[in-house]
Amino acid sequence: MKRKKEPIEVLLKPINQFLHQEASGGILLMICTVIALAWANSPWSDSYHHLWHTHLVINLGNILNLDYSIHHWINDGLMVIFFFTVGLEIKENFWLVNFLHFKSFSSNRRSFGRYGCTCNYLCNI
């Protein structure tokens, strides 16, 4: 006998399926980009710019006091994480290509594609 699904399970199932797709991150990024562009070029653009200059504070007594705008947190904090992960991906690609080169580079077209993409990225920096 099947058990009756809870309403929260019915609500979260499509969200869960979407998040487990490989393209979900790109789709979400595109949606947020369109929303941000529309908001920044709308009559409410002042609230958009005001949001970027809102300060977020992390304060741990006398040990740590970080008081920066959202714009600053994204430029200095999240971009470090982004470029760190990009660097790890490039390192993985070079390692994978070098490892597969000794085994059978000519028979593995996927490794050549990774190598070509990595070289293309590095040449366009």
PDB file of N, CA and C in Angstrom:
ATOM      1  N   MET A   1       0.836  -1.179   0.000  1.00  0.00           N
ATOM      2  CA  MET A   1       0.000   0.000   0.000  1.00  0.00           C
ATOM      3  C   MET A   1       0.882   1.244   0.000  1.00  0.00           C
ATOM      4  N   LYS A   2       0.597   2.148  -0.895  1.00  0.00           N
ATOM      5  CA  LYS A   2       1.373   3.382  -0.977  1.00  0.00           C
ATOM      6  C   LYS A   2       0.956   4.333   0.130  1.00  0.00           C
ATOM      7  N   ARG A   3       1.975   4.969   0.674  1.00  0.00           N
ATOM      8  CA  ARG A   3       1.652   5.951   1.694  1.00  0.00           C
ATOM      9  C   ARG A   3       1.347   7.284   1.019  1.00  0.00           C
ATOM     10  N   LYS A   4       0.500   8.038   1.647  1.00  0.00           N
ATOM     11  CA  LYS A   4       0.112   9.336   1.093  1.00  0.00           C
ATOM     12  C   LYS A   4       1.259  10.321   1.296  1.00  0.00           C
ATOM     13  N   LYS A   5       1.605  11.040   0.224  1.00  0.00           N
ATOM     14  CA  LYS A   5       2.701  12.001   0.306  1.00  0.00           C
ATOM     15  C   LYS A   5       2.248  13.242   1.055  1.00  0.00           C
ATOM     16  N   GLU A   6       3.172  13.750   1.843  1.00  0.00           N
ATOM     17  CA  GLU A   6       2.927  14.989   2.565  1.00  0.00           C
ATOM     18  C   GLU A   6       2.922  16.151   1.570  1.00  0.00           C
ATOM     19  N   PRO A   7       2.217  17.242   1.887  1.00  0.00           N
ATOM     20  CA  PRO A   7       2.199  18.396   0.971  1.00  0.00           C
ATOM     21  C   PRO A   7       3.583  18.974   0.708  1.00  0.00           C
ATOM     22  N   ILE A   8       4.450  18.928   1.722  1.00  0.00           N
ATOM     23  CA  ILE A   8       5.797  19.471   1.525  1.00  0.00           C
ATOM     24  C   ILE A   8       6.590  18.613   0.537  1.00  0.00           C
ATOM     25  N   GLU A   9       6.361  17.291   0.535  1.00  0.00           N
ATOM     26  CA  GLU A   9       7.034  16.408  -0.421  1.00  0.00           C
ATOM     27  C   GLU A   9       6.572  16.691  -1.843  1.00  0.00           C
ATOM     28  N   VAL A  10       5.284  16.940  -1.993  1.00  0.00           N
ATOM     29  CA  VAL A  10       4.735  17.266  -3.315  1.00  0.00           C
ATOM     30  C   VAL A  10       5.306  18.594  -3.802  1.00  0.00           C
ATOM     31  N   LEU A  11       5.463  19.549  -2.897  1.00  0.00           N
ATOM     32  CA  LEU A  11       5.991  20.865  -3.249  1.00  0.00           C
ATOM     33  C   LEU A  11       7.481  20.815  -3.565  1.00  0.00           C
ATOM     34  N   LEU A  12       8.245  20.043  -2.815  1.00  0.00           N
ATOM     35  CA  LEU A  12       9.696  20.029  -2.974  1.00  0.00           C
ATOM     36  C   LEU A  12      10.191  19.094  -4.081  1.00  0.00           C
ATOM     37  N   LYS A  13       9.366  18.164  -4.547  1.00  0.00           N
ATOM     38  CA  LYS A  13       9.814  17.209  -5.562  1.00  0.00           C
ATOM     39  C   LYS A  13      10.264  17.886  -6.859  1.00  0.00           C
ATOM     40  N   PRO A  14       9.495  18.816  -7.450  1.00  0.00           N
ATOM     41  CA  PRO A  14       9.985  19.459  -8.679  1.00  0.00           C
ATOM     42  C   PRO A  14      11.228  20.313  -8.438  1.00  0.00           C
ATOM     43  N   ILE A  15      11.310  20.955  -7.277  1.00  0.00           N
ATOM     44  CA  ILE A  15      12.495  21.762  -6.950  1.00  0.00           C
ATOM     45  C   ILE A  15      13.716  20.858  -6.838  1.00  0.00           C
ATOM     46  N   ASN A  16      13.552  19.737  -6.180  1.00  0.00           N
ATOM     47  CA  ASN A  16      14.642  18.784  -6.015  1.00  0.00           C
ATOM     48  C   ASN A  16      15.093  18.231  -7.364  1.00  0.00           C
ATOM     49  N   GLN A  17      14.147  17.910  -8.250  1.00  0.00           N
ATOM     50  CA  GLN A  17      14.498  17.408  -9.579  1.00  0.00           C
ATOM     51  C   GLN A  17      15.250  18.462 -10.379  1.00  0.00           C
ATOM     52  N   PHE A  18      14.811  19.728 -10.272  1.00  0.00           N
ATOM     53  CA  PHE A  18      15.474  20.812 -10.991  1.00  0.00           C
ATOM     54  C   PHE A  18      16.909  20.996 -10.501  1.00  0.00           C
ATOM     55  N   LEU A  19      17.106  20.963  -9.191  1.00  0.00           N
ATOM     56  CA  LEU A  19      18.435  21.199  -8.633  1.00  0.00           C
ATOM     57  C   LEU A  19      19.414  20.069  -8.931  1.00  0.00           C
ATOM     58  N   HIS A  20      18.917  18.884  -9.227  1.00  0.00           N
ATOM     59  CA  HIS A  20      19.791  17.766  -9.542  1.00  0.00           C
ATOM     60  C   HIS A  20      20.152  17.686 -11.025  1.00  0.00           C
ATOM     61  N   GLN A  21      19.632  18.591 -11.829  1.00  0.00           N
ATOM     62  CA  GLN A  21      20.008  18.635 -13.240  1.00  0.00           C
ATOM     63  C   GLN A  21      21.302  19.430 -13.372  1.00  0.00           C
ATOM     64  N   GLU A  22      22.109  19.067 -14.340  1.00  0.00           N
ATOM     65  CA  GLU A  22      23.400  19.730 -14.525  1.00  0.00           C
ATOM     66  C   GLU A  22      23.237  21.179 -14.962  1.00  0.00           C
ATOM     67  N   ALA A  23      22.222  21.481 -15.735  1.00  0.00           N
ATOM     68  CA  ALA A  23      22.038  22.826 -16.274  1.00  0.00           C
ATOM     69  C   ALA A  23      21.323  23.764 -15.314  1.00  0.00           C
ATOM     70  N   SER A  24      20.909  23.294 -14.162  1.00  0.00           N
ATOM     71  CA  SER A  24      20.109  24.130 -13.260  1.00  0.00           C
ATOM     72  C   SER A  24      20.855  25.376 -12.786  1.00  0.00           C
ATOM     73  N   GLY A  25      22.153  25.264 -12.544  1.00  0.00           N
ATOM     74  CA  GLY A  25      22.925  26.427 -12.112  1.00  0.00           C
ATOM     75  C   GLY A  25      22.955  27.511 -13.170  1.00  0.00           C
ATOM     76  N   GLY A  26      23.154  27.124 -14.416  1.00  0.00           N
ATOM     77  CA  GLY A  26      23.171  28.092 -15.509  1.00  0.00           C
ATOM     78  C   GLY A  26      21.813  28.715 -15.744  1.00  0.00           C
ATOM     79  N   ILE A  27      20.772  27.914 -15.635  1.00  0.00           N
ATOM     80  CA  ILE A  27      19.411  28.434 -15.812  1.00  0.00           C
ATOM     81  C   ILE A  27      19.089  29.452 -14.727  1.00  0.00           C
ATOM     82  N   LEU A  28      19.425  29.117 -13.495  1.00  0.00           N
ATOM     83  CA  LEU A  28      19.177  30.027 -12.377  1.00  0.00           C
ATOM     84  C   LEU A  28      19.977  31.314 -12.528  1.00  0.00           C
ATOM     85  N   LEU A  29      21.218  31.209 -12.980  1.00  0.00           N
ATOM     86  CA  LEU A  29      22.051  32.389 -13.200  1.00  0.00           C
ATOM     87  C   LEU A  29      21.458  33.294 -14.274  1.00  0.00           C
ATOM     88  N   MET A  30      20.955  32.704 -15.350  1.00  0.00           N
ATOM     89  CA  MET A  30      20.347  33.500 -16.419  1.00  0.00           C
ATOM     90  C   MET A  30      19.075  34.201 -15.933  1.00  0.00           C
ATOM     91  N   ILE A  31      18.260  33.499 -15.163  1.00  0.00           N
ATOM     92  CA  ILE A  31      17.033  34.108 -14.627  1.00  0.00           C
ATOM     93  C   ILE A  31      17.377  35.280 -13.715  1.00  0.00           C
ATOM     94  N   CYS A  32      18.350  35.092 -12.833  1.00  0.00           N
ATOM     95  CA  CYS A  32      18.751  36.178 -11.926  1.00  0.00           C
ATOM     96  C   CYS A  32      19.346  37.361 -12.693  1.00  0.00           C
ATOM     97  N   THR A  33      20.084  37.076 -13.759  1.00  0.00           N
ATOM     98  CA  THR A  33      20.658  38.145 -14.579  1.00  0.00           C
ATOM     99  C   THR A  33      19.564  38.971 -15.245  1.00  0.00           C
ATOM    100  N   VAL A  34      18.573  38.311 -15.794  1.00  0.00           N
ATOM    101  CA  VAL A  34      17.462  39.029 -16.439  1.00  0.00           C
ATOM    102  C   VAL A  34      16.706  39.869 -15.412  1.00  0.00           C
ATOM    103  N   ILE A  35      16.460  39.307 -14.228  1.00  0.00           N
ATOM    104  CA  ILE A  35      15.772  40.061 -13.172  1.00  0.00           C
ATOM    105  C   ILE A  35      16.590  41.268 -12.763  1.00  0.00           C
ATOM    106  N   ALA A  36      17.907  41.101 -12.579  1.00  0.00           N
ATOM    107  CA  ALA A  36      18.764  42.214 -12.171  1.00  0.00           C
ATOM    108  C   ALA A  36      18.817  43.302 -13.241  1.00  0.00           C
ATOM    109  N   LEU A  37      18.914  42.902 -14.514  1.00  0.00           N
ATOM    110  CA  LEU A  37      18.931  43.903 -15.590  1.00  0.00           C
ATOM    111  C   LEU A  37      17.616  44.670 -15.667  1.00  0.00           C
ATOM    112  N   ALA A  38      16.511  43.950 -15.531  1.00  0.00           N
ATOM    113  CA  ALA A  38      15.206  44.613 -15.576  1.00  0.00           C
ATOM    114  C   ALA A  38      15.049  45.564 -14.384  1.00  0.00           C
ATOM    115  N   TRP A  39      15.470  45.131 -13.215  1.00  0.00           N
ATOM    116  CA  TRP A  39      15.348  45.964 -12.004  1.00  0.00           C
ATOM    117  C   TRP A  39      16.252  47.194 -12.094  1.00  0.00           C
ATOM    118  N   ALA A  40      17.494  47.015 -12.577  1.00  0.00           N
ATOM    119  CA  ALA A  40      18.437  48.133 -12.661  1.00  0.00           C
ATOM    120  C   ALA A  40      18.013  49.169 -13.690  1.00  0.00           C
ATOM    121  N   ASN A  41      17.238  48.766 -14.691  1.00  0.00           N
ATOM    122  CA  ASN A  41      16.811  49.699 -15.738  1.00  0.00           C
ATOM    123  C   ASN A  41      15.342  50.070 -15.628  1.00  0.00           C
ATOM    124  N   SER A  42      14.778  49.858 -14.466  1.00  0.00           N
ATOM    125  CA  SER A  42      13.367  50.174 -14.243  1.00  0.00           C
ATOM    126  C   SER A  42      13.252  51.476 -13.459  1.00  0.00           C
ATOM    127  N   PRO A  43      12.034  51.947 -13.252  1.00  0.00           N
ATOM    128  CA  PRO A  43      11.853  53.145 -12.418  1.00  0.00           C
ATOM    129  C   PRO A  43      12.294  52.929 -10.962  1.00  0.00           C
ATOM    130  N   TRP A  44      12.482  51.680 -10.558  1.00  0.00           N
ATOM    131  CA  TRP A  44      12.905  51.388  -9.188  1.00  0.00           C
ATOM    132  C   TRP A  44      14.410  51.166  -9.103  1.00  0.00           C
ATOM    133  N   SER A  45      15.162  51.718 -10.037  1.00  0.00           N
ATOM    134  CA  SER A  45      16.605  51.493 -10.065  1.00  0.00           C
ATOM    135  C   SER A  45      17.312  52.060  -8.831  1.00  0.00           C
ATOM    136  N   ASP A  46      16.741  53.080  -8.206  1.00  0.00           N
ATOM    137  CA  ASP A  46      17.354  53.618  -6.982  1.00  0.00           C
ATOM    138  C   ASP A  46      17.408  52.573  -5.875  1.00  0.00           C
ATOM    139  N   SER A  47      16.357  51.776  -5.755  1.00  0.00           N
ATOM    140  CA  SER A  47      16.363  50.732  -4.726  1.00  0.00           C
ATOM    141  C   SER A  47      17.388  49.648  -5.060  1.00  0.00           C
ATOM    142  N   TYR A  48      17.610  49.401  -6.349  1.00  0.00           N
ATOM    143  CA  TYR A  48      18.618  48.426  -6.762  1.00  0.00           C
ATOM    144  C   TYR A  48      20.010  48.895  -6.353  1.00  0.00           C
ATOM    145  N   HIS A  49      20.314  50.154  -6.650  1.00  0.00           N
ATOM    146  CA  HIS A  49      21.633  50.696  -6.303  1.00  0.00           C
ATOM    147  C   HIS A  49      21.782  50.837  -4.793  1.00  0.00           C
ATOM    148  N   HIS A  50      20.711  51.144  -4.108  1.00  0.00           N
ATOM    149  CA  HIS A  50      20.750  51.230  -2.655  1.00  0.00           C
ATOM    150  C   HIS A  50      21.048  49.859  -2.038  1.00  0.00           C
ATOM    151  N   LEU A  51      20.497  48.801  -2.620  1.00  0.00           N
ATOM    152  CA  LEU A  51      20.753  47.445  -2.133  1.00  0.00           C
ATOM    153  C   LEU A  51      22.237  47.109  -2.216  1.00  0.00           C
ATOM    154  N   TRP A  52      22.888  47.484  -3.315  1.00  0.00           N
ATOM    155  CA  TRP A  52      24.308  47.177  -3.487  1.00  0.00           C
ATOM    156  C   TRP A  52      25.188  47.891  -2.466  1.00  0.00           C
ATOM    157  N   HIS A  53      24.727  49.011  -1.952  1.00  0.00           N
ATOM    158  CA  HIS A  53      25.523  49.767  -0.977  1.00  0.00           C
ATOM    159  C   HIS A  53      25.099  49.503   0.463  1.00  0.00           C
ATOM    160  N   THR A  54      24.225  48.522   0.668  1.00  0.00           N
ATOM    161  CA  THR A  54      23.838  48.114   2.014  1.00  0.00           C
ATOM    162  C   THR A  54      25.021  47.411   2.669  1.00  0.00           C
ATOM    163  N   HIS A  55      25.288  47.748   3.914  1.00  0.00           N
ATOM    164  CA  HIS A  55      26.433  47.176   4.617  1.00  0.00           C
ATOM    165  C   HIS A  55      26.039  45.907   5.357  1.00  0.00           C
ATOM    166  N   LEU A  56      26.893  44.892   5.240  1.00  0.00           N
ATOM    167  CA  LEU A  56      26.780  43.655   6.003  1.00  0.00           C
ATOM    168  C   LEU A  56      27.943  43.629   6.985  1.00  0.00           C
ATOM    169  N   VAL A  57      27.641  43.344   8.252  1.00  0.00           N
ATOM    170  CA  VAL A  57      28.659  43.409   9.295  1.00  0.00           C
ATOM    171  C   VAL A  57      28.825  42.040   9.937  1.00  0.00           C
ATOM    172  N   ILE A  58      30.069  41.611  10.050  1.00  0.00           N
ATOM    173  CA  ILE A  58      30.428  40.439  10.849  1.00  0.00           C
ATOM    174  C   ILE A  58      31.313  40.956  11.973  1.00  0.00           C
ATOM    175  N   ASN A  59      30.833  40.807  13.195  1.00  0.00           N
ATOM    176  CA  ASN A  59      31.548  41.361  14.340  1.00  0.00           C
ATOM    177  C   ASN A  59      31.692  40.290  15.407  1.00  0.00           C
ATOM    178  N   LEU A  60      32.934  39.962  15.741  1.00  0.00           N
ATOM    179  CA  LEU A  60      33.226  38.991  16.788  1.00  0.00           C
ATOM    180  C   LEU A  60      33.993  39.676  17.920  1.00  0.00           C
ATOM    181  N   GLY A  61      33.350  40.639  18.541  1.00  0.00           N
ATOM    182  CA  GLY A  61      33.993  41.367  19.646  1.00  0.00           C
ATOM    183  C   GLY A  61      35.185  42.151  19.152  1.00  0.00           C
ATOM    184  N   ASN A  62      36.296  42.025  19.885  1.00  0.00           N
ATOM    185  CA  ASN A  62      37.523  42.731  19.501  1.00  0.00           C
ATOM    186  C   ASN A  62      38.375  41.924  18.531  1.00  0.00           C
ATOM    187  N   ILE A  63      37.957  40.708  18.237  1.00  0.00           N
ATOM    188  CA  ILE A  63      38.753  39.827  17.386  1.00  0.00           C
ATOM    189  C   ILE A  63      38.580  40.172  15.907  1.00  0.00           C
ATOM    190  N   LEU A  64      37.337  40.338  15.474  1.00  0.00           N
ATOM    191  CA  LEU A  64      37.061  40.502  14.054  1.00  0.00           C
ATOM    192  C   LEU A  64      35.925  41.491  13.860  1.00  0.00           C
ATOM    193  N   ASN A  65      36.145  42.468  13.004  1.00  0.00           N
ATOM    194  CA  ASN A  65      35.101  43.440  12.686  1.00  0.00           C
ATOM    195  C   ASN A  65      35.143  43.703  11.182  1.00  0.00           C
ATOM    196  N   LEU A  66      34.238  43.088  10.443  1.00  0.00           N
ATOM    197  CA  LEU A  66      34.159  43.263   8.996  1.00  0.00           C
ATOM    198  C   LEU A  66      32.881  44.020   8.674  1.00  0.00           C
ATOM    199  N   ASP A  67      33.023  45.225   8.171  1.00  0.00           N
ATOM    200  CA  ASP A  67      31.891  46.083   7.833  1.00  0.00           C
ATOM    201  C   ASP A  67      32.063  46.564   6.398  1.00  0.00           C
ATOM    202  N   TYR A  68      31.443  45.841   5.461  1.00  0.00           N
ATOM    203  CA  TYR A  68      31.574  46.160   4.040  1.00  0.00           C
ATOM    204  C   TYR A  68      30.212  46.143   3.368  1.00  0.00           C
ATOM    205  N   SER A  69      30.141  46.808   2.216  1.00  0.00           N
ATOM    206  CA  SER A  69      28.906  46.789   1.436  1.00  0.00           C
ATOM    207  C   SER A  69      28.771  45.446   0.722  1.00  0.00           C
ATOM    208  N   ILE A  70      27.556  45.157   0.278  1.00  0.00           N
ATOM    209  CA  ILE A  70      27.310  43.915  -0.461  1.00  0.00           C
ATOM    210  C   ILE A  70      28.188  43.880  -1.719  1.00  0.00           C
ATOM    211  N   HIS A  71      28.325  45.012  -2.364  1.00  0.00           N
ATOM    212  CA  HIS A  71      29.166  45.120  -3.555  1.00  0.00           C
ATOM    213  C   HIS A  71      30.598  44.697  -3.235  1.00  0.00           C
ATOM    214  N   HIS A  72      31.127  45.163  -2.124  1.00  0.00           N
ATOM    215  CA  HIS A  72      32.491  44.828  -1.721  1.00  0.00           C
ATOM    216  C   HIS A  72      32.622  43.346  -1.354  1.00  0.00           C
ATOM    217  N   TRP A  73      31.635  42.792  -0.643  1.00  0.00           N
ATOM    218  CA  TRP A  73      31.672  41.375  -0.282  1.00  0.00           C
ATOM    219  C   TRP A  73      31.728  40.502  -1.531  1.00  0.00           C
ATOM    220  N   ILE A  74      30.931  40.850  -2.547  1.00  0.00           N
ATOM    221  CA  ILE A  74      30.902  40.050  -3.768  1.00  0.00           C
ATOM    222  C   ILE A  74      32.201  40.200  -4.543  1.00  0.00           C
ATOM    223  N   ASN A  75      32.672  41.434  -4.715  1.00  0.00           N
ATOM    224  CA  ASN A  75      33.896  41.646  -5.485  1.00  0.00           C
ATOM    225  C   ASN A  75      35.108  41.009  -4.830  1.00  0.00           C
ATOM    226  N   ASP A  76      35.254  41.137  -3.519  1.00  0.00           N
ATOM    227  CA  ASP A  76      36.462  40.640  -2.871  1.00  0.00           C
ATOM    228  C   ASP A  76      36.317  39.236  -2.293  1.00  0.00           C
ATOM    229  N   GLY A  77      35.138  38.862  -1.863  1.00  0.00           N
ATOM    230  CA  GLY A  77      34.965  37.563  -1.216  1.00  0.00           C
ATOM    231  C   GLY A  77      34.550  36.465  -2.161  1.00  0.00           C
ATOM    232  N   LEU A  78      33.421  36.648  -2.825  1.00  0.00           N
ATOM    233  CA  LEU A  78      32.901  35.586  -3.684  1.00  0.00           C
ATOM    234  C   LEU A  78      33.747  35.380  -4.931  1.00  0.00           C
ATOM    235  N   MET A  79      34.387  36.446  -5.424  1.00  0.00           N
ATOM    236  CA  MET A  79      35.248  36.291  -6.594  1.00  0.00           C
ATOM    237  C   MET A  79      36.491  35.473  -6.264  1.00  0.00           C
ATOM    238  N   VAL A  80      36.980  35.559  -5.035  1.00  0.00           N
ATOM    239  CA  VAL A  80      38.106  34.723  -4.621  1.00  0.00           C
ATOM    240  C   VAL A  80      37.706  33.255  -4.685  1.00  0.00           C
ATOM    241  N   ILE A  81      36.529  32.946  -4.173  1.00  0.00           N
ATOM    242  CA  ILE A  81      36.042  31.561  -4.208  1.00  0.00           C
ATOM    243  C   ILE A  81      35.854  31.106  -5.651  1.00  0.00           C
ATOM    244  N   PHE A  82      35.302  31.975  -6.497  1.00  0.00           N
ATOM    245  CA  PHE A  82      35.081  31.632  -7.902  1.00  0.00           C
ATOM    246  C   PHE A  82      36.398  31.308  -8.601  1.00  0.00           C
ATOM    247  N   PHE A  83      37.390  32.186  -8.486  1.00  0.00           N
ATOM    248  CA  PHE A  83      38.643  31.955  -9.188  1.00  0.00           C
ATOM    249  C   PHE A  83      39.436  30.805  -8.575  1.00  0.00           C
ATOM    250  N   PHE A  84      39.251  30.544  -7.288  1.00  0.00           N
ATOM    251  CA  PHE A  84      39.869  29.373  -6.679  1.00  0.00           C
ATOM    252  C   PHE A  84      39.319  28.093  -7.300  1.00  0.00           C
ATOM    253  N   THR A  85      38.003  28.020  -7.465  1.00  0.00           N
ATOM    254  CA  THR A  85      37.409  26.824  -8.070  1.00  0.00           C
ATOM    255  C   THR A  85      37.781  26.704  -9.544  1.00  0.00           C
ATOM    256  N   VAL A  86      37.879  27.826 -10.261  1.00  0.00           N
ATOM    257  CA  VAL A  86      38.319  27.778 -11.660  1.00  0.00           C
ATOM    258  C   VAL A  86      39.749  27.240 -11.731  1.00  0.00           C
ATOM    259  N   GLY A  87      40.603  27.709 -10.830  1.00  0.00           N
ATOM    260  CA  GLY A  87      41.978  27.216 -10.790  1.00  0.00           C
ATOM    261  C   GLY A  87      42.046  25.725 -10.509  1.00  0.00           C
ATOM    262  N   LEU A  88      41.196  25.252  -9.606  1.00  0.00           N
ATOM    263  CA  LEU A  88      41.165  23.813  -9.321  1.00  0.00           C
ATOM    264  C   LEU A  88      40.703  23.016 -10.537  1.00  0.00           C
ATOM    265  N   GLU A  89      39.724  23.550 -11.271  1.00  0.00           N
ATOM    266  CA  GLU A  89      39.253  22.866 -12.483  1.00  0.00           C
ATOM    267  C   GLU A  89      40.361  22.799 -13.533  1.00  0.00           C
ATOM    268  N   ILE A  90      41.090  23.886 -13.710  1.00  0.00           N
ATOM    269  CA  ILE A  90      42.177  23.898 -14.696  1.00  0.00           C
ATOM    270  C   ILE A  90      43.263  22.918 -14.280  1.00  0.00           C
ATOM    271  N   LYS A  91      43.593  22.894 -12.994  1.00  0.00           N
ATOM    272  CA  LYS A  91      44.598  21.948 -12.504  1.00  0.00           C
ATOM    273  C   LYS A  91      44.140  20.506 -12.743  1.00  0.00           C
ATOM    274  N   GLU A  92      42.863  20.234 -12.486  1.00  0.00           N
ATOM    275  CA  GLU A  92      42.333  18.890 -12.712  1.00  0.00           C
ATOM    276  C   GLU A  92      42.403  18.525 -14.190  1.00  0.00           C
ATOM    277  N   ASN A  93      42.077  19.481 -15.062  1.00  0.00           N
ATOM    278  CA  ASN A  93      42.117  19.214 -16.501  1.00  0.00           C
ATOM    279  C   ASN A  93      43.528  18.886 -16.963  1.00  0.00           C
ATOM    280  N   PHE A  94      44.513  19.670 -16.509  1.00  0.00           N
ATOM    281  CA  PHE A  94      45.891  19.389 -16.905  1.00  0.00           C
ATOM    282  C   PHE A  94      46.362  18.057 -16.354  1.00  0.00           C
ATOM    283  N   TRP A  95      45.987  17.739 -15.117  1.00  0.00           N
ATOM    284  CA  TRP A  95      46.391  16.461 -14.544  1.00  0.00           C
ATOM    285  C   TRP A  95      45.758  15.308 -15.304  1.00  0.00           C
ATOM    286  N   LEU A  96      44.482  15.454 -15.613  1.00  0.00           N
ATOM    287  CA  LEU A  96      43.778  14.395 -16.328  1.00  0.00           C
ATOM    288  C   LEU A  96      44.377  14.173 -17.705  1.00  0.00           C
ATOM    289  N   VAL A  97      44.695  15.260 -18.406  1.00  0.00           N
ATOM    290  CA  VAL A  97      45.273  15.134 -19.745  1.00  0.00           C
ATOM    291  C   VAL A  97      46.647  14.484 -19.662  1.00  0.00           C
ATOM    292  N   ASN A  98      47.477  14.906 -18.718  1.00  0.00           N
ATOM    293  CA  ASN A  98      48.811  14.320 -18.600  1.00  0.00           C
ATOM    294  C   ASN A  98      48.730  12.841 -18.226  1.00  0.00           C
ATOM    295  N   PHE A  99      47.795  12.483 -17.367  1.00  0.00           N
ATOM    296  CA  PHE A  99      47.636  11.089 -16.972  1.00  0.00           C
ATOM    297  C   PHE A  99      47.154  10.251 -18.149  1.00  0.00           C
ATOM    298  N   LEU A 100      46.169  10.743 -18.874  1.00  0.00           N
ATOM    299  CA  LEU A 100      45.614   9.979 -19.995  1.00  0.00           C
ATOM    300  C   LEU A 100      46.573   9.940 -21.185  1.00  0.00           C
ATOM    301  N   HIS A 101      47.457  10.941 -21.261  1.00  0.00           N
ATOM    302  CA  HIS A 101      48.414  10.971 -22.369  1.00  0.00           C
ATOM    303  C   HIS A 101      49.314   9.741 -22.331  1.00  0.00           C
ATOM    304  N   PHE A 102      49.717   9.349 -21.149  1.00  0.00           N
ATOM    305  CA  PHE A 102      50.587   8.195 -21.038  1.00  0.00           C
ATOM    306  C   PHE A 102      49.835   6.896 -21.288  1.00  0.00           C
ATOM    307  N   LYS A 103      48.538   6.871 -20.998  1.00  0.00           N
ATOM    308  CA  LYS A 103      47.765   5.636 -21.203  1.00  0.00           C
ATOM    309  C   LYS A 103      47.398   5.490 -22.679  1.00  0.00           C
ATOM    310  N   SER A 104      46.535   6.333 -23.148  1.00  0.00           N
ATOM    311  CA  SER A 104      46.158   6.266 -24.570  1.00  0.00           C
ATOM    312  C   SER A 104      45.489   7.579 -24.944  1.00  0.00           C
ATOM    313  N   PHE A 105      46.288   8.578 -25.195  1.00  0.00           N
ATOM    314  CA  PHE A 105      45.758   9.904 -25.483  1.00  0.00           C
ATOM    315  C   PHE A 105      44.979   9.919 -26.788  1.00  0.00           C
ATOM    316  N   SER A 106      45.453   9.220 -27.798  1.00  0.00           N
ATOM    317  CA  SER A 106      44.798   9.281 -29.105  1.00  0.00           C
ATOM    318  C   SER A 106      43.424   8.612 -29.099  1.00  0.00           C
ATOM    319  N   SER A 107      43.223   7.646 -28.227  1.00  0.00           N
ATOM    320  CA  SER A 107      41.932   6.961 -28.227  1.00  0.00           C
ATOM    321  C   SER A 107      40.897   7.656 -27.344  1.00  0.00           C
ATOM    322  N   ASN A 108      41.299   8.640 -26.587  1.00  0.00           N
ATOM    323  CA  ASN A 108      40.359   9.309 -25.689  1.00  0.00           C
ATOM    324  C   ASN A 108      40.130  10.735 -26.171  1.00  0.00           C
ATOM    325  N   ARG A 109      39.104  10.950 -26.977  1.00  0.00           N
ATOM    326  CA  ARG A 109      38.820  12.269 -27.536  1.00  0.00           C
ATOM    327  C   ARG A 109      38.366  13.261 -26.470  1.00  0.00           C
ATOM    328  N   ARG A 110      37.747  12.766 -25.423  1.00  0.00           N
ATOM    329  CA  ARG A 110      37.241  13.649 -24.374  1.00  0.00           C
ATOM    330  C   ARG A 110      38.382  14.386 -23.685  1.00  0.00           C
ATOM    331  N   SER A 111      39.505  13.716 -23.472  1.00  0.00           N
ATOM    332  CA  SER A 111      40.631  14.373 -22.812  1.00  0.00           C
ATOM    333  C   SER A 111      41.190  15.478 -23.697  1.00  0.00           C
ATOM    334  N   PHE A 112      41.209  15.255 -25.024  1.00  0.00           N
ATOM    335  CA  PHE A 112      41.675  16.304 -25.922  1.00  0.00           C
ATOM    336  C   PHE A 112      40.740  17.510 -25.870  1.00  0.00           C
ATOM    337  N   GLY A 113      39.439  17.266 -25.755  1.00  0.00           N
ATOM    338  CA  GLY A 113      38.492  18.360 -25.637  1.00  0.00           C
ATOM    339  C   GLY A 113      38.717  19.166 -24.375  1.00  0.00           C
ATOM    340  N   ARG A 114      38.985  18.490 -23.274  1.00  0.00           N
ATOM    341  CA  ARG A 114      39.279  19.198 -22.026  1.00  0.00           C
ATOM    342  C   ARG A 114      40.556  20.012 -22.161  1.00  0.00           C
ATOM    343  N   TYR A 115      41.581  19.408 -22.782  1.00  0.00           N
ATOM    344  CA  TYR A 115      42.853  20.095 -22.950  1.00  0.00           C
ATOM    345  C   TYR A 115      42.684  21.321 -23.842  1.00  0.00           C
ATOM    346  N   GLY A 116      41.926  21.155 -24.925  1.00  0.00           N
ATOM    347  CA  GLY A 116      41.692  22.277 -25.816  1.00  0.00           C
ATOM    348  C   GLY A 116      40.936  23.410 -25.151  1.00  0.00           C
ATOM    349  N   CYS A 117      39.909  23.079 -24.351  1.00  0.00           N
ATOM    350  CA  CYS A 117      39.157  24.101 -23.628  1.00  0.00           C
ATOM    351  C   CYS A 117      40.040  24.829 -22.616  1.00  0.00           C
ATOM    352  N   THR A 118      40.891  24.095 -21.932  1.00  0.00           N
ATOM    353  CA  THR A 118      41.771  24.712 -20.949  1.00  0.00           C
ATOM    354  C   THR A 118      42.763  25.641 -21.635  1.00  0.00           C
ATOM    355  N   CYS A 119      43.358  25.206 -22.726  1.00  0.00           N
ATOM    356  CA  CYS A 119      44.286  26.060 -23.458  1.00  0.00           C
ATOM    357  C   CYS A 119      43.592  27.303 -24.002  1.00  0.00           C
ATOM    358  N   ASN A 120      42.396  27.142 -24.513  1.00  0.00           N
ATOM    359  CA  ASN A 120      41.614  28.276 -25.008  1.00  0.00           C
ATOM    360  C   ASN A 120      41.354  29.270 -23.889  1.00  0.00           C
ATOM    361  N   TYR A 121      41.010  28.779 -22.714  1.00  0.00           N
ATOM    362  CA  TYR A 121      40.775  29.666 -21.560  1.00  0.00           C
ATOM    363  C   TYR A 121      42.042  30.420 -21.183  1.00  0.00           C
ATOM    364  N   LEU A 122      43.163  29.699 -21.111  1.00  0.00           N
ATOM    365  CA  LEU A 122      44.407  30.332 -20.704  1.00  0.00           C
ATOM    366  C   LEU A 122      44.901  31.347 -21.735  1.00  0.00           C
ATOM    367  N   CYS A 123      44.664  31.105 -23.010  1.00  0.00           N
ATOM    368  CA  CYS A 123      45.092  32.040 -24.049  1.00  0.00           C
ATOM    369  C   CYS A 123      44.235  33.305 -24.069  1.00  0.00           C
ATOM    370  N   ASN A 124      43.029  33.226 -23.551  1.00  0.00           N
ATOM    371  CA  ASN A 124      42.126  34.388 -23.598  1.00  0.00           C
ATOM    372  C   ASN A 124      42.081  35.168 -22.293  1.00  0.00           C
ATOM    373  N   ILE A 125      42.967  34.884 -21.375  1.00  0.00           N
ATOM    374  CA  ILE A 125      42.971  35.625 -20.097  1.00  0.00           C
ATOM    375  C   ILE A 125      43.465  37.022 -20.322  1.00  0.00           C
TER     376      ILE A 125
END
